[in-house]
Amino acid sequence: MSTLFFLFFTISIFSFLPFSSLSQPPPPPKAIRIDCGAIGKSEYDGNLWLPDAQFVSAGTPKVITTPVSVPILSTLRSFPLLNNRNKKFCYTVNVYHGAKYMVRTTYYYGGINGKDSPPVFDQMVDGTLWSEVNTTADYADGLSSPYEGVFLAQGKTMSVCIGANNYTDSDPFISALEFVILKDSFYNTTDFNKYGLGLVARNSFGYSGPIIRYPDDEFDRSWAPFGKSNPTSNRNVSVSGFWNHPPAKIFQTELTSGQSKPLDLDWPPFSLQNSTYYIALYFAHDSNSSRESSRMFNISINGITYYSNLNVTPAGLVVFATQWPLSGHTRLTLTPSVDSKFGPSINGGEVFGLLTLGGRTVTRDVIALVKFRDKLQNPPVDWNGDPCYPQKYSWTGVTCAEGKGNQTRVVSLNLTGMGLSGSVSASVANLTALTDILLGNNRLSGTIPDLSSLKFIRKLHLEDNQFNGEIPSSLGKIEKLQELVDVYGLLGRPGCCGQLAVKRAGGRVLEELADSFGPRP
């Protein structure tokens, strides 16, 4: 049985620069770093960390009472599980529309929920379900759990959300959140209008020191050690002209084998889900070797040819596969070619899961719902992020559907009996795909806005609220309106109309009804 897949390979060449040109560290990357649960700004490793209150509207800040490895892990924000399963809680930041961001979330439980093991839950970016967050193994080893992804900013804001799934057994939480702007060239064989990238593994081979980050990696990505220490003499590889800008430090070590022996690596060193992955492998021939001598080998993954007769020089190169299917354990094999004078070697590697982007709610509907939310004194706690996506985590009371041109529109608002107070924003009239507005049994007040633009509205329930003013006569001009229920909460009042439920018999009926009521008694 064969598997059908598409591969897009690219080889990129490095070059050498004198060591003096590399002596000055690069400037820190442009980034927003949020210390979740913190009450003030702080600085750590030269980076400014902001408190999180301006980015999130729900949850409770908490302080970890046990010792932590870095200061930003000493606080977190937790979100209540009770009555909130499949509801999301979002951080929203201003971003540059069209820019590419590395998003990093960090989790350290610290026993904050009173249970021995941390909860398992979901994390999302905008309308895309990014991954499940399971920090159990790391926490048992006293470690925090970072997650990295690469996403394109589809608008002027970007949201990272936490949500309780069916496996969550206590309050979900987050310790830190970072948005780092990457260069446009990074990982550019991926169509970021269709996909995001979720980091699976990023390693420096033959390296056994601490995790490589800024300033070695100018964009503060994390390169974990892998394998026994094996230094090389590649000291001055320049990556400034290379798409992904790997740190030069990863070329100072390598994993290699003898001249006639293949090099087998179980990498990534854990089982993978059956999915499609982006893979980048980095190579540079030891610069002490003769430049006339070749290091040539074949690359295979799980026995399938990845690249044949790769000729590695001291200048260095990288081989990408944009889409490669993997499942379970992975064996990477480098086999020397017949004419090679040296055994195969490898310096670094990255593997990302390819994430199909979730949908996006039409912008005008999002704006209208946000204005509607802002007129409420106690809006639903999960009304942040994208209203319709991920579908599992759509906003409470909001129903969506795809319309013309695959545009996702809001088609129903059902907030019956949610104890809402405040007023109904006139922006609701901009939700022009609505068929139902069900706001009964709340404490809403003020006037009923003009809804004549809602040409598809069928049901309008506003009973048991505290509205005043007049019933808009324009309601009688909405051709599809079939049911108007007790607009001013007059049920049961002496001499009133009884159940004000009008089954449509022509626009004239509703128009006359509105005229007959006039102002509220």
Protein backbone atom coordinates (compact mmCIF):
# COMPACT_ATOMS: atom_id res chain seq x y z
CA MET A 1 0.00 0.00 0.00
CA SER A 2 1.39 3.40 -0.94
CA THR A 3 0.80 6.79 0.63
CA LEU A 4 0.12 9.83 -1.53
CA PHE A 5 1.77 13.03 -0.36
CA PHE A 6 3.40 16.16 -1.73
CA LEU A 7 6.99 17.18 -1.00
CA PHE A 8 8.64 20.50 -1.66
CA PHE A 9 12.42 20.38 -1.22
CA THR A 10 14.75 23.32 -0.99
CA ILE A 11 18.47 23.44 -0.40
CA SER A 12 19.89 26.65 1.02
CA ILE A 13 23.59 27.39 1.24
CA PHE A 14 25.40 29.17 4.06
CA SER A 15 28.67 31.06 3.81
CA PHE A 16 31.54 32.00 6.08
CA LEU A 17 32.22 35.31 7.77
CA PRO A 18 35.25 36.37 9.82
CA PHE A 19 34.75 35.73 13.50
CA SER A 20 34.98 39.45 14.34
CA SER A 21 31.78 40.17 12.45
CA LEU A 22 29.92 37.85 14.79
CA SER A 23 31.29 39.23 18.06
CA GLN A 24 28.46 41.67 18.73
CA PRO A 25 25.16 40.11 19.82
CA PRO A 26 22.15 40.96 17.67
CA PRO A 27 19.53 43.33 19.04
CA PRO A 28 16.67 41.64 20.93
CA PRO A 29 13.77 40.58 18.71
CA LYS A 30 10.62 42.67 18.59
CA ALA A 31 8.27 40.91 20.96
CA ILE A 32 5.40 41.16 23.41
CA ARG A 33 6.12 39.10 26.52
CA ILE A 34 3.34 38.58 29.06
CA ASP A 35 3.96 37.37 32.60
CA CYS A 36 0.62 35.76 33.36
CA GLY A 37 -0.75 36.54 36.81
CA ALA A 38 1.87 39.20 37.53
CA ILE A 39 0.79 42.58 38.87
CA GLY A 40 3.70 44.66 37.55
CA LYS A 41 6.40 44.88 34.89
CA SER A 42 9.63 42.96 35.30
CA GLU A 43 12.87 42.34 33.41
CA TYR A 44 14.55 38.98 33.01
CA ASP A 45 17.50 38.09 30.74
CA GLY A 46 17.25 41.54 29.19
CA ASN A 47 13.61 41.06 28.19
CA LEU A 48 10.72 43.22 29.40
CA TRP A 49 7.76 41.23 30.74
CA LEU A 50 4.35 42.87 31.06
CA PRO A 51 1.59 42.10 33.56
CA ASP A 52 -1.37 40.40 31.91
CA ALA A 53 -4.42 42.36 33.11
CA GLN A 54 -4.65 44.51 29.95
CA PHE A 55 -4.72 41.45 27.68
CA VAL A 56 -7.30 39.21 29.37
CA SER A 57 -10.70 39.79 30.99
CA ALA A 58 -11.27 36.54 32.91
CA GLY A 59 -9.46 34.20 35.26
CA THR A 60 -7.70 34.62 38.58
CA PRO A 61 -4.02 35.57 39.10
CA LYS A 62 -2.23 33.23 41.48
CA VAL A 63 1.20 32.97 43.08
CA ILE A 64 3.23 29.73 43.11
CA THR A 65 4.47 29.05 46.63
CA THR A 66 7.08 26.43 45.69
CA PRO A 67 10.57 27.31 44.34
CA VAL A 68 10.75 28.02 40.59
CA SER A 69 13.64 27.99 38.13
CA VAL A 70 12.94 31.43 36.60
CA PRO A 71 11.00 34.40 38.00
CA ILE A 72 8.24 34.40 35.36
CA LEU A 73 7.10 30.98 36.60
CA SER A 74 6.28 32.33 40.05
CA THR A 75 2.82 33.51 38.95
CA LEU A 76 0.10 32.19 36.68
CA ARG A 77 -3.50 32.85 35.72
CA SER A 78 -6.05 30.10 36.19
CA PHE A 79 -9.51 29.86 34.67
CA PRO A 80 -12.51 28.24 36.39
CA LEU A 81 -13.50 24.79 35.18
CA LEU A 82 -16.92 24.79 36.88
CA ASN A 83 -19.66 25.27 34.25
CA ASN A 84 -17.02 26.23 31.68
CA ARG A 85 -16.18 23.03 29.84
CA ASN A 86 -15.74 23.73 26.09
CA LYS A 87 -15.54 27.45 26.79
CA LYS A 88 -12.41 29.40 25.95
CA PHE A 89 -10.57 32.15 27.79
CA CYS A 90 -8.44 34.38 25.59
CA TYR A 91 -5.50 36.72 25.69
CA THR A 92 -5.78 39.29 22.88
CA VAL A 93 -2.84 41.45 21.75
CA ASN A 94 -2.37 44.06 19.05
CA VAL A 95 -0.19 42.78 16.21
CA TYR A 96 1.00 43.85 12.76
CA HIS A 97 -1.45 42.58 10.16
CA GLY A 98 0.39 40.24 7.79
CA ALA A 99 3.43 39.74 10.03
CA LYS A 100 4.70 36.28 10.94
CA TYR A 101 4.90 35.51 14.66
CA MET A 102 6.47 32.87 16.80
CA VAL A 103 3.94 32.31 19.59
CA ARG A 104 5.26 30.64 22.73
CA THR A 105 3.13 29.56 25.67
CA THR A 106 4.72 28.33 28.89
CA TYR A 107 3.05 26.29 31.62
CA TYR A 108 4.21 25.47 35.15
CA TYR A 109 1.57 24.00 37.43
CA GLY A 110 3.16 24.40 40.87
CA GLY A 111 0.35 22.41 42.52
CA ILE A 112 -1.91 25.44 42.32
CA ASN A 113 -5.15 23.43 42.09
CA GLY A 114 -4.36 21.25 45.10
CA LYS A 115 -3.97 18.10 43.00
CA ASP A 116 -0.76 16.16 42.45
CA SER A 117 -1.04 16.25 38.65
CA PRO A 118 -1.72 19.27 36.43
CA PRO A 119 -4.88 19.44 34.30
CA VAL A 120 -4.94 18.58 30.61
CA PHE A 121 -6.62 21.15 28.35
CA ASP A 122 -6.60 22.76 24.88
CA GLN A 123 -4.82 25.82 23.54
CA MET A 124 -5.88 27.82 20.47
CA VAL A 125 -4.60 30.63 18.28
CA ASP A 126 -7.44 32.72 16.88
CA GLY A 127 -9.84 30.17 15.35
CA THR A 128 -7.29 27.35 15.12
CA LEU A 129 -7.05 24.51 17.61
CA TRP A 130 -3.29 24.46 18.20
CA SER A 131 -2.70 21.52 20.54
CA GLU A 132 -3.60 19.76 23.72
CA VAL A 133 -1.58 20.96 26.71
CA ASN A 134 -0.33 18.04 28.79
CA THR A 135 2.41 19.05 31.22
CA THR A 136 2.22 15.97 33.46
CA ALA A 137 5.59 14.41 32.56
CA ASP A 138 7.50 17.72 32.66
CA TYR A 139 5.95 18.69 35.98
CA ALA A 140 6.88 15.33 37.50
CA ASP A 141 10.49 16.14 36.57
CA GLY A 142 10.25 19.66 38.02
CA LEU A 143 10.21 21.30 34.61
CA SER A 144 8.04 23.88 32.89
CA SER A 145 6.43 23.08 29.53
CA PRO A 146 6.95 25.52 26.63
CA TYR A 147 5.00 25.25 23.37
CA GLU A 148 6.07 27.09 20.20
CA GLY A 149 4.14 27.77 17.02
CA VAL A 150 4.47 29.97 13.94
CA PHE A 151 1.39 31.84 12.73
CA LEU A 152 0.57 34.69 10.38
CA ALA A 153 -1.33 37.63 11.85
CA GLN A 154 -4.62 37.55 9.91
CA GLY A 155 -5.83 40.83 11.41
CA LYS A 156 -4.80 43.65 13.70
CA THR A 157 -5.13 41.47 16.80
CA MET A 158 -4.15 37.92 17.64
CA SER A 159 -5.72 35.78 20.36
CA VAL A 160 -4.29 32.86 22.31
CA CYS A 161 -6.97 30.96 24.16
CA ILE A 162 -7.18 28.23 26.80
CA GLY A 163 -10.13 25.85 26.94
CA ALA A 164 -11.22 22.96 29.16
CA ASN A 165 -11.85 19.77 27.18
CA ASN A 166 -13.41 16.47 28.25
CA TYR A 167 -10.17 15.38 29.97
CA THR A 168 -9.77 18.51 32.09
CA ASP A 169 -10.21 17.68 35.79
CA SER A 170 -9.22 21.00 37.40
CA ASP A 171 -8.81 24.65 36.50
CA PRO A 172 -6.68 25.23 33.34
CA PHE A 173 -3.90 27.80 33.62
CA ILE A 174 -1.06 29.58 31.83
CA SER A 175 2.26 30.93 33.14
CA ALA A 176 3.71 33.00 30.28
CA LEU A 177 2.85 34.08 26.75
CA GLU A 178 5.16 35.53 24.06
CA PHE A 179 4.63 36.95 20.56
CA VAL A 180 7.93 37.33 18.66
CA ILE A 181 7.99 38.83 15.15
CA LEU A 182 9.87 36.67 12.65
CA LYS A 183 11.27 37.64 9.28
CA ASP A 184 9.06 37.03 6.26
CA SER A 185 11.57 34.50 4.92
CA PHE A 186 11.18 32.17 7.90
CA TYR A 187 9.68 28.78 7.00
CA ASN A 188 8.43 30.41 3.79
CA THR A 189 7.83 27.16 1.93
CA THR A 190 4.67 26.94 4.08
CA ASP A 191 1.50 28.71 2.95
CA PHE A 192 0.66 30.56 6.16
CA ASN A 193 -2.70 31.64 4.76
CA LYS A 194 -3.71 27.97 5.01
CA TYR A 195 -1.48 26.53 7.71
CA GLY A 196 0.24 27.25 10.99
CA LEU A 197 3.24 25.35 12.36
CA GLY A 198 3.31 23.71 15.79
CA LEU A 199 6.81 22.86 17.01
CA VAL A 200 7.41 19.17 17.68
CA ALA A 201 11.21 19.11 18.07
CA ARG A 202 14.12 21.49 17.52
CA ASN A 203 17.55 20.16 18.35
CA SER A 204 21.24 20.93 18.16
CA PHE A 205 22.93 17.57 17.48
CA GLY A 206 26.09 16.57 19.29
CA TYR A 207 25.45 19.32 21.84
CA SER A 208 25.00 18.72 25.56
CA GLY A 209 24.87 22.23 27.03
CA PRO A 210 21.90 24.35 28.14
CA ILE A 211 19.08 25.11 25.71
CA ILE A 212 20.26 27.52 23.00
CA ARG A 213 18.21 30.74 22.88
CA TYR A 214 18.88 34.45 22.47
CA PRO A 215 21.43 35.89 21.86
CA ASP A 216 22.71 32.81 20.00
CA ASP A 217 19.36 32.56 18.26
CA GLU A 218 18.52 36.15 17.37
CA PHE A 219 14.78 35.38 17.43
CA ASP A 220 14.91 33.56 20.78
CA ARG A 221 13.82 30.16 19.48
CA SER A 222 14.72 27.18 21.68
CA TRP A 223 17.24 24.58 20.45
CA ALA A 224 17.46 21.61 22.83
CA PRO A 225 20.59 19.45 23.18
CA PHE A 226 20.58 16.03 21.52
CA GLY A 227 23.19 13.28 21.72
CA LYS A 228 26.66 13.14 23.20
CA SER A 229 28.87 16.20 22.94
CA ASN A 230 30.91 16.25 19.73
CA PRO A 231 32.49 19.62 18.91
CA THR A 232 33.53 20.61 15.37
CA SER A 233 35.72 23.36 14.04
CA ASN A 234 32.82 25.14 12.26
CA ARG A 235 33.01 28.39 14.19
CA ASN A 236 32.04 31.08 11.71
CA VAL A 237 29.13 29.84 9.63
CA SER A 238 27.06 32.88 8.64
CA VAL A 239 23.33 32.37 8.37
CA SER A 240 22.33 35.97 7.65
CA GLY A 241 21.30 35.19 4.09
CA PHE A 242 19.47 32.01 4.93
CA TRP A 243 15.66 31.79 5.21
CA ASN A 244 15.31 30.35 8.70
CA HIS A 245 18.37 31.99 10.31
CA PRO A 246 19.45 29.04 12.49
CA PRO A 247 22.00 30.06 15.12
CA ALA A 248 25.64 29.62 14.11
CA LYS A 249 26.18 27.83 17.41
CA ILE A 250 24.43 24.66 16.21
CA PHE A 251 27.24 24.20 13.65
CA GLN A 252 29.84 24.01 16.40
CA THR A 253 28.76 20.44 17.22
CA GLU A 254 27.60 17.47 15.18
CA LEU A 255 26.65 13.83 15.23
CA THR A 256 28.64 11.69 12.82
CA SER A 257 29.69 8.12 12.02
CA GLY A 258 32.66 6.37 10.46
CA GLN A 259 33.43 6.62 6.77
CA SER A 260 31.51 3.53 5.69
CA LYS A 261 28.88 3.42 8.40
CA PRO A 262 25.35 4.83 8.27
CA LEU A 263 24.20 7.15 11.03
CA ASP A 264 20.86 6.15 12.56
CA LEU A 265 18.93 8.54 14.79
CA ASP A 266 15.64 7.94 16.56
CA TRP A 267 14.50 11.51 16.13
CA PRO A 268 12.25 13.07 17.26
CA PRO A 269 12.81 10.91 20.36
CA PHE A 270 9.11 10.19 20.97
CA SER A 271 6.10 8.83 19.15
CA LEU A 272 4.31 11.16 16.72
CA GLN A 273 0.64 11.42 15.83
CA ASN A 274 -0.36 10.32 12.35
CA SER A 275 -0.14 13.64 10.55
CA THR A 276 1.81 15.80 8.08
CA TYR A 277 5.01 17.53 9.14
CA TYR A 278 7.44 20.23 8.07
CA ILE A 279 11.06 19.05 8.41
CA ALA A 280 14.30 21.06 8.17
CA LEU A 281 17.72 19.37 8.53
CA TYR A 282 20.93 21.43 8.88
CA PHE A 283 24.42 20.33 7.76
CA ALA A 284 27.96 21.75 7.54
CA HIS A 285 31.18 19.88 6.72
CA ASP A 286 33.91 20.27 9.37
CA SER A 287 36.01 23.21 8.18
CA ASN A 288 39.29 21.49 9.22
CA SER A 289 38.66 18.93 6.50
CA SER A 290 40.03 19.44 3.03
CA ARG A 291 37.73 21.61 0.98
CA GLU A 292 38.38 19.33 -1.97
CA SER A 293 37.14 16.32 -0.02
CA SER A 294 33.45 15.58 -0.17
CA ARG A 295 31.01 14.51 2.48
CA MET A 296 28.20 12.96 0.48
CA PHE A 297 25.36 10.82 1.74
CA ASN A 298 21.74 9.81 1.30
CA ILE A 299 18.98 10.70 3.75
CA SER A 300 15.97 8.50 4.48
CA ILE A 301 13.17 8.69 7.02
CA ASN A 302 11.58 5.42 8.09
CA GLY A 303 13.15 3.77 5.05
CA ILE A 304 11.74 6.30 2.55
CA THR A 305 14.23 8.39 0.60
CA TYR A 306 14.25 11.98 1.83
CA TYR A 307 17.20 13.24 -0.25
CA SER A 308 19.80 11.46 -2.39
CA ASN A 309 23.50 12.24 -2.84
CA LEU A 310 23.57 15.29 -0.61
CA ASN A 311 26.96 16.97 -0.99
CA VAL A 312 27.82 18.81 2.22
CA THR A 313 30.53 21.48 2.18
CA PRO A 314 32.01 23.67 4.94
CA ALA A 315 29.70 26.44 3.72
CA GLY A 316 26.76 24.47 5.09
CA LEU A 317 23.26 23.81 3.79
CA VAL A 318 19.76 22.86 4.84
CA VAL A 319 17.17 20.55 3.28
CA PHE A 320 13.44 21.23 3.78
CA ALA A 321 10.40 19.06 3.28
CA THR A 322 7.24 21.12 3.48
CA GLN A 323 4.85 18.19 3.84
CA TRP A 324 5.97 14.76 5.01
CA PRO A 325 3.70 12.13 6.58
CA LEU A 326 4.88 10.63 9.87
CA SER A 327 3.30 8.36 12.46
CA GLY A 328 4.66 6.67 15.57
CA HIS A 329 8.43 6.39 16.09
CA THR A 330 10.74 8.00 13.52
CA ARG A 331 14.11 6.69 12.30
CA LEU A 332 16.37 9.16 10.48
CA THR A 333 19.14 7.40 8.53
CA LEU A 334 22.17 9.02 6.84
CA THR A 335 23.97 6.56 4.57
CA PRO A 336 27.37 7.48 3.06
CA SER A 337 27.61 7.51 -0.73
CA VAL A 338 30.14 5.27 -2.43
CA ASP A 339 32.46 8.15 -3.39
CA SER A 340 32.30 9.97 -0.05
CA LYS A 341 35.60 10.46 1.78
CA PHE A 342 33.84 11.04 5.09
CA GLY A 343 31.00 9.54 7.04
CA PRO A 344 27.67 11.37 7.26
CA SER A 345 27.09 14.09 9.83
CA ILE A 346 24.25 16.34 10.97
CA ASN A 347 24.22 19.54 13.03
CA GLY A 348 20.59 20.43 13.69
CA GLY A 349 16.99 19.74 12.88
CA GLU A 350 13.46 21.07 13.24
CA VAL A 351 10.13 19.27 12.98
CA PHE A 352 6.79 21.08 13.02
CA GLY A 353 3.30 19.70 12.83
CA LEU A 354 1.35 21.23 9.97
CA LEU A 355 -1.80 22.83 11.42
CA THR A 356 -4.70 23.48 9.08
CA LEU A 357 -6.03 26.88 10.02
CA GLY A 358 -9.52 27.06 11.44
CA GLY A 359 -12.10 29.40 9.97
CA ARG A 360 -12.55 33.08 10.66
CA THR A 361 -15.77 34.87 11.42
CA VAL A 362 -16.54 37.72 9.00
CA THR A 363 -14.91 40.86 10.41
CA ARG A 364 -18.07 42.99 10.45
CA ASP A 365 -19.84 40.33 12.52
CA VAL A 366 -16.94 40.23 14.98
CA ILE A 367 -16.99 44.02 15.33
CA ALA A 368 -20.76 44.02 15.82
CA LEU A 369 -20.60 41.30 18.50
CA VAL A 370 -17.78 43.06 20.36
CA LYS A 371 -19.83 46.29 20.47
CA PHE A 372 -22.84 44.25 21.61
CA ARG A 373 -20.71 42.65 24.34
CA ASP A 374 -19.33 46.00 25.49
CA LYS A 375 -22.87 47.32 26.16
CA LEU A 376 -23.49 44.43 28.56
CA GLN A 377 -22.49 44.84 32.19
CA ASN A 378 -21.88 41.11 32.65
CA PRO A 379 -21.23 39.49 29.26
CA PRO A 380 -20.60 35.72 28.99
CA VAL A 381 -17.11 34.93 30.26
CA ASP A 382 -16.03 33.27 27.03
CA TRP A 383 -16.90 36.14 24.68
CA ASN A 384 -13.30 36.69 23.56
CA GLY A 385 -11.32 35.54 20.54
CA ASP A 386 -13.10 34.41 17.40
CA PRO A 387 -16.88 34.06 17.96
CA CYS A 388 -17.34 30.99 15.73
CA TYR A 389 -14.04 29.10 15.81
CA PRO A 390 -12.82 26.63 16.77
CA GLN A 391 -16.35 25.27 16.41
CA LYS A 392 -16.03 23.31 19.64
CA TYR A 393 -15.31 26.59 21.42
CA SER A 394 -17.72 29.03 19.75
CA TRP A 395 -19.09 31.78 22.00
CA THR A 396 -21.88 30.89 24.39
CA GLY A 397 -25.24 31.51 22.72
CA VAL A 398 -23.75 32.17 19.28
CA THR A 399 -24.59 29.96 16.30
CA CYS A 400 -22.69 30.35 13.04
CA ALA A 401 -22.97 29.08 9.48
CA GLU A 402 -21.00 29.33 6.26
CA GLY A 403 -22.61 31.47 3.59
CA LYS A 404 -21.64 32.72 0.17
CA GLY A 405 -17.95 32.58 -0.63
CA ASN A 406 -17.32 30.32 2.39
CA GLN A 407 -17.80 33.34 4.66
CA THR A 408 -18.77 32.41 8.21
CA ARG A 409 -21.62 34.52 9.55
CA VAL A 410 -23.43 34.69 12.89
CA VAL A 411 -26.98 33.40 12.32
CA SER A 412 -28.42 33.16 15.83
CA LEU A 413 -28.10 34.79 19.25
CA ASN A 414 -29.66 32.78 22.08
CA LEU A 415 -28.84 34.35 25.44
CA THR A 416 -32.11 33.43 27.12
CA GLY A 417 -32.06 33.35 30.92
CA MET A 418 -28.38 34.25 31.36
CA GLY A 419 -29.01 37.07 33.86
CA LEU A 420 -27.58 39.69 31.51
CA SER A 421 -27.86 43.37 32.39
CA GLY A 422 -27.05 46.46 30.39
CA SER A 423 -28.52 47.57 27.07
CA VAL A 424 -28.82 46.17 23.56
CA SER A 425 -26.30 47.84 21.28
CA ALA A 426 -27.50 49.21 17.96
CA SER A 427 -24.62 47.20 16.46
CA VAL A 428 -26.82 44.09 16.59
CA ALA A 429 -28.44 45.46 13.42
CA ASN A 430 -25.11 44.91 11.63
CA LEU A 431 -25.40 41.14 12.12
CA THR A 432 -27.31 40.97 8.88
CA ALA A 433 -27.34 37.16 8.62
CA LEU A 434 -29.27 36.73 11.88
CA THR A 435 -32.41 34.61 11.81
CA ASP A 436 -33.08 34.49 15.58
CA ILE A 437 -32.53 36.89 18.47
CA LEU A 438 -33.52 35.28 21.77
CA LEU A 439 -32.80 37.55 24.73
CA GLY A 440 -35.70 36.72 27.03
CA ASN A 441 -35.55 36.41 30.82
CA ASN A 442 -32.67 38.80 31.48
CA ARG A 443 -32.36 42.27 33.03
CA LEU A 444 -31.74 44.23 29.85
CA SER A 445 -32.91 47.86 29.79
CA GLY A 446 -33.02 50.87 27.51
CA THR A 447 -34.68 51.04 24.10
CA ILE A 448 -34.99 48.46 21.39
CA PRO A 449 -32.73 49.45 18.49
CA ASP A 450 -33.87 49.68 14.87
CA LEU A 451 -33.58 46.16 13.47
CA SER A 452 -34.97 46.83 10.00
CA SER A 453 -31.64 45.83 8.39
CA LEU A 454 -32.12 42.22 9.61
CA LYS A 455 -33.95 40.99 6.53
CA PHE A 456 -33.69 37.30 7.53
CA ILE A 457 -34.89 37.58 11.14
CA ARG A 458 -37.63 35.06 11.96
CA LYS A 459 -37.83 35.12 15.75
CA LEU A 460 -37.40 38.04 18.14
CA HIS A 461 -37.77 37.18 21.84
CA LEU A 462 -37.24 40.03 24.28
CA GLU A 463 -39.66 39.01 27.04
CA ASP A 464 -39.05 39.45 30.78
CA ASN A 465 -36.60 42.33 30.54
CA GLN A 466 -36.77 46.02 31.52
CA PHE A 467 -36.99 47.77 28.16
CA ASN A 468 -38.63 51.18 27.76
CA GLY A 469 -39.54 53.50 24.92
CA GLU A 470 -41.45 52.45 21.85
CA ILE A 471 -41.63 49.25 19.84
CA PRO A 472 -39.91 50.18 16.56
CA SER A 473 -42.56 50.28 13.87
CA SER A 474 -39.91 49.07 11.43
CA LEU A 475 -40.34 45.56 12.85
CA GLY A 476 -43.53 45.31 10.85
CA LYS A 477 -41.60 45.79 7.64
CA ILE A 478 -39.38 42.73 8.07
CA GLU A 479 -40.93 40.24 5.68
CA LYS A 480 -39.49 37.08 7.27
CA LEU A 481 -40.35 37.93 10.90
CA GLN A 482 -42.68 35.20 12.16
CA GLU A 483 -42.55 35.49 15.93
CA LEU A 484 -42.40 38.52 18.20
CA VAL A 485 -42.70 37.59 21.86
CA ASP A 486 -43.75 39.95 24.69
CA VAL A 487 -41.52 42.86 23.81
CA TYR A 488 -42.06 44.94 26.95
CA GLY A 489 -42.65 42.21 29.52
CA LEU A 490 -46.41 43.00 29.74
CA LEU A 491 -47.50 39.42 30.32
CA GLY A 492 -49.98 39.07 33.15
CA ARG A 493 -50.70 42.78 33.53
CA PRO A 494 -54.43 43.57 33.91
CA GLY A 495 -56.07 44.52 30.64
CA CYS A 496 -53.04 43.64 28.60
CA CYS A 497 -52.81 41.54 25.54
CA GLY A 498 -52.05 38.16 27.10
CA GLN A 499 -49.43 36.15 25.21
CA LEU A 500 -47.99 38.52 22.64
CA ALA A 501 -46.82 35.87 20.18
CA VAL A 502 -47.62 36.93 16.66
CA LYS A 503 -47.49 34.30 13.92
CA ARG A 504 -46.84 36.12 10.72
CA ALA A 505 -49.89 37.08 8.67
CA GLY A 506 -48.27 39.84 6.64
CA GLY A 507 -46.10 42.82 7.58
CA ARG A 508 -49.16 44.98 8.16
CA VAL A 509 -50.18 42.98 11.26
CA LEU A 510 -46.94 43.70 13.11
CA GLU A 511 -46.93 47.32 12.00
CA GLU A 512 -50.43 47.88 13.36
CA LEU A 513 -49.50 46.04 16.55
CA ALA A 514 -46.54 48.33 17.15
CA ASP A 515 -48.64 51.42 16.52
CA SER A 516 -51.30 50.23 18.96
CA PHE A 517 -48.84 49.89 21.82
CA GLY A 518 -46.95 53.13 21.44
CA PRO A 519 -44.84 54.02 24.48
CA ARG A 520 -44.55 51.55 27.31
CA PRO A 521 -47.23 52.15 30.03
